[in-house]
Protein backbone atom coordinates (compact mmCIF):
# COMPACT_ATOMS: atom_id res chain seq x y z
CA MET A 1 14.79 -22.04 -63.46
CA GLY A 2 16.70 -18.40 -63.19
CA THR A 3 19.28 -17.52 -60.27
CA THR A 4 19.17 -14.15 -58.80
CA THR A 5 22.87 -12.32 -58.27
CA THR A 6 22.55 -10.37 -54.95
CA PRO A 7 25.81 -8.07 -54.22
CA SER A 8 28.37 -9.79 -51.55
CA ALA A 9 28.45 -7.73 -48.14
CA ALA A 10 31.78 -6.34 -49.29
CA GLU A 11 29.98 -4.88 -52.35
CA ALA A 12 27.02 -3.19 -50.41
CA GLU A 13 29.32 -1.32 -48.05
CA ILE A 14 31.46 -0.55 -51.03
CA LEU A 15 28.37 1.17 -53.23
CA GLU A 16 27.19 2.62 -49.72
CA LEU A 17 30.35 4.09 -49.77
CA VAL A 18 30.20 5.33 -52.92
CA ASP A 19 26.27 7.10 -52.74
CA ARG A 20 27.74 9.05 -49.89
CA TYR A 21 31.18 9.78 -51.77
CA VAL A 22 28.28 11.06 -55.08
CA GLU A 23 26.26 13.10 -52.59
CA ALA A 24 29.32 15.08 -50.71
CA ILE A 25 30.37 15.91 -54.30
CA ARG A 26 27.12 17.06 -55.77
CA SER A 27 26.59 19.08 -52.54
CA VAL A 28 30.33 20.68 -53.61
CA ASP A 29 31.78 20.14 -49.83
CA ALA A 30 35.77 19.15 -50.12
CA GLU A 31 35.81 18.07 -46.36
CA ARG A 32 33.06 15.19 -47.21
CA ILE A 33 34.15 14.18 -49.98
CA ALA A 34 37.90 13.96 -48.77
CA SER A 35 36.56 11.64 -45.98
CA HIS A 36 36.25 9.15 -48.04
CA TYR A 37 40.05 8.94 -49.13
CA ALA A 38 42.54 7.32 -47.88
CA PRO A 39 45.51 9.58 -46.40
CA ASP A 40 47.51 7.90 -48.75
CA ILE A 41 45.27 8.66 -51.71
CA LEU A 42 46.79 8.82 -55.33
CA ALA A 43 44.51 10.04 -58.12
CA PHE A 44 45.07 11.01 -61.80
CA ASP A 45 42.53 13.81 -61.79
CA ALA A 46 41.05 14.50 -65.74
CA ILE A 47 42.23 18.39 -65.33
CA ALA A 48 44.58 20.67 -63.75
CA HIS A 49 48.11 18.39 -62.33
CA LEU A 50 49.37 15.25 -63.37
CA GLN A 51 48.85 13.72 -60.11
CA PHE A 52 47.31 14.54 -56.73
CA LYS A 53 49.41 12.40 -54.00
CA GLY A 54 47.79 12.02 -50.44
CA VAL A 55 44.83 12.84 -48.72
CA GLU A 56 45.66 16.87 -48.53
CA ALA A 57 46.73 17.56 -51.89
CA TYR A 58 43.63 16.18 -53.99
CA ARG A 59 41.26 17.79 -51.11
CA LYS A 60 42.86 21.24 -52.24
CA HIS A 61 42.07 20.21 -55.61
CA TRP A 62 38.29 19.49 -55.03
CA GLU A 63 38.82 23.34 -53.52
CA ALA A 64 39.37 24.71 -56.86
CA CYS A 65 37.44 22.71 -58.49
CA ILE A 66 34.31 23.26 -56.34
CA ALA A 67 35.00 27.07 -56.79
CA MET A 68 34.06 26.47 -60.06
CA CYS A 69 31.02 25.49 -59.61
CA SER A 70 27.39 26.92 -59.90
CA SER A 71 25.54 27.88 -56.76
CA GLU A 72 23.03 24.82 -57.64
CA GLY A 73 26.03 22.61 -57.14
CA MET A 74 27.76 20.26 -58.71
CA THR A 75 26.22 17.50 -61.98
CA PHE A 76 27.63 13.95 -60.96
CA GLU A 77 25.47 11.09 -61.91
CA LEU A 78 27.13 7.10 -62.25
CA HIS A 79 25.92 5.22 -64.98
CA GLU A 80 26.40 1.25 -64.67
CA PRO A 81 29.02 2.01 -61.77
CA SER A 82 30.75 -1.77 -60.68
CA ILE A 83 31.94 -3.13 -58.23
CA ALA A 84 34.23 -6.29 -57.56
CA VAL A 85 35.76 -7.24 -54.14
CA ASN A 86 38.57 -9.76 -53.71
CA GLY A 87 39.41 -9.43 -49.66
CA ASP A 88 40.85 -6.30 -48.45
CA VAL A 89 40.38 -4.83 -52.11
CA ALA A 90 38.43 -4.05 -54.38
CA PHE A 91 37.81 -2.09 -57.85
CA GLY A 92 35.10 0.17 -59.42
CA HIS A 93 34.53 1.90 -62.52
CA TRP A 94 31.93 3.82 -64.33
CA LEU A 95 30.65 6.39 -66.72
CA CYS A 96 29.67 10.10 -64.97
CA ARG A 97 28.24 12.75 -66.20
CA CYS A 98 30.13 15.77 -64.47
CA GLY A 99 29.91 19.48 -64.62
CA PRO A 100 30.12 22.04 -62.58
CA GLY A 101 26.27 22.62 -62.80
CA PRO A 102 24.12 24.90 -64.99
CA ASP A 103 25.30 28.25 -66.24
CA GLU A 104 24.14 32.02 -65.80
CA SER A 105 21.80 31.34 -68.25
CA GLY A 106 20.71 27.89 -66.94
CA LYS A 107 22.30 25.83 -69.74
CA GLU A 108 23.90 22.59 -68.05
CA GLN A 109 27.37 22.50 -68.53
CA ALA A 110 28.64 18.74 -68.24
CA ALA A 111 30.16 15.49 -70.40
CA TRP A 112 30.48 12.20 -69.60
CA MET A 113 33.98 11.21 -67.98
CA ARG A 114 35.22 7.55 -67.37
CA GLY A 115 36.05 6.80 -63.45
CA THR A 116 38.47 4.21 -61.82
CA ILE A 117 38.13 3.69 -58.49
CA GLY A 118 40.43 1.41 -56.07
CA PHE A 119 39.36 0.69 -52.34
CA ARG A 120 41.11 -0.90 -49.82
CA LYS A 121 39.59 -1.74 -46.02
CA THR A 122 41.33 -1.02 -43.48
CA ASP A 123 40.58 -1.44 -39.85
CA GLY A 124 37.25 -2.03 -41.06
CA LYS A 125 36.82 0.14 -42.80
CA TRP A 126 36.78 0.76 -46.65
CA THR A 127 38.20 4.16 -48.49
CA ILE A 128 39.32 4.85 -51.65
CA VAL A 129 43.22 4.85 -52.20
CA HIS A 130 43.23 5.36 -55.99
CA GLU A 131 41.06 7.37 -58.28
CA HIS A 132 41.68 8.23 -61.89
CA TRP A 133 39.08 10.14 -64.48
CA SER A 134 39.73 10.93 -67.73
CA ALA A 135 38.08 12.15 -71.09
CA PRO A 136 38.45 10.46 -74.70
CA PHE A 137 40.43 12.18 -76.58
CA ASP A 138 40.57 12.55 -80.74
CA PRO A 139 44.16 12.32 -81.34
CA GLU A 140 44.11 13.98 -84.51
CA SER A 141 42.68 17.56 -83.12
CA ASN A 142 44.20 16.90 -79.72
CA LYS A 143 41.36 17.58 -78.46
CA ALA A 144 38.85 16.14 -75.91
CA MET A 145 35.75 14.38 -76.97
CA PHE A 146 33.07 15.84 -74.78
CA ASP A 147 29.93 15.41 -76.64
CA LEU A 148 30.45 11.55 -76.48
CA GLN A 149 27.52 9.73 -74.79
CA PRO A 150 27.31 6.18 -73.17
């Protein structure tokens, strides 16, 4: 007889938060994106700055990213999201195909990135307290490897 593993209530809540977060990113809405973060988020994004401290700094970064997107919205697709919960903290990771959407000729501009996310439940609500995005790189050429596939 086989067993079926069902997500805990906390995992289900976090996956619902992640779905809303992804939709906010795809719709290029900086305010909705920022609504998923704790006020004291610490983020290590793959572009621009070494780190972002606080939701306002990270929201401004998202606004700059959105300004680079096509009118069709951002490409943002999670691959094999995984969530682990222990009490009021949780950890998630996934691969993400993301980019600013198609260029003027219709060619999609997207690459696979790695994401690691930390969550905390405060006053009954889960928020993102840490976010880390990265791209693998070739140490010989010192260039990001955007052509890798999962």
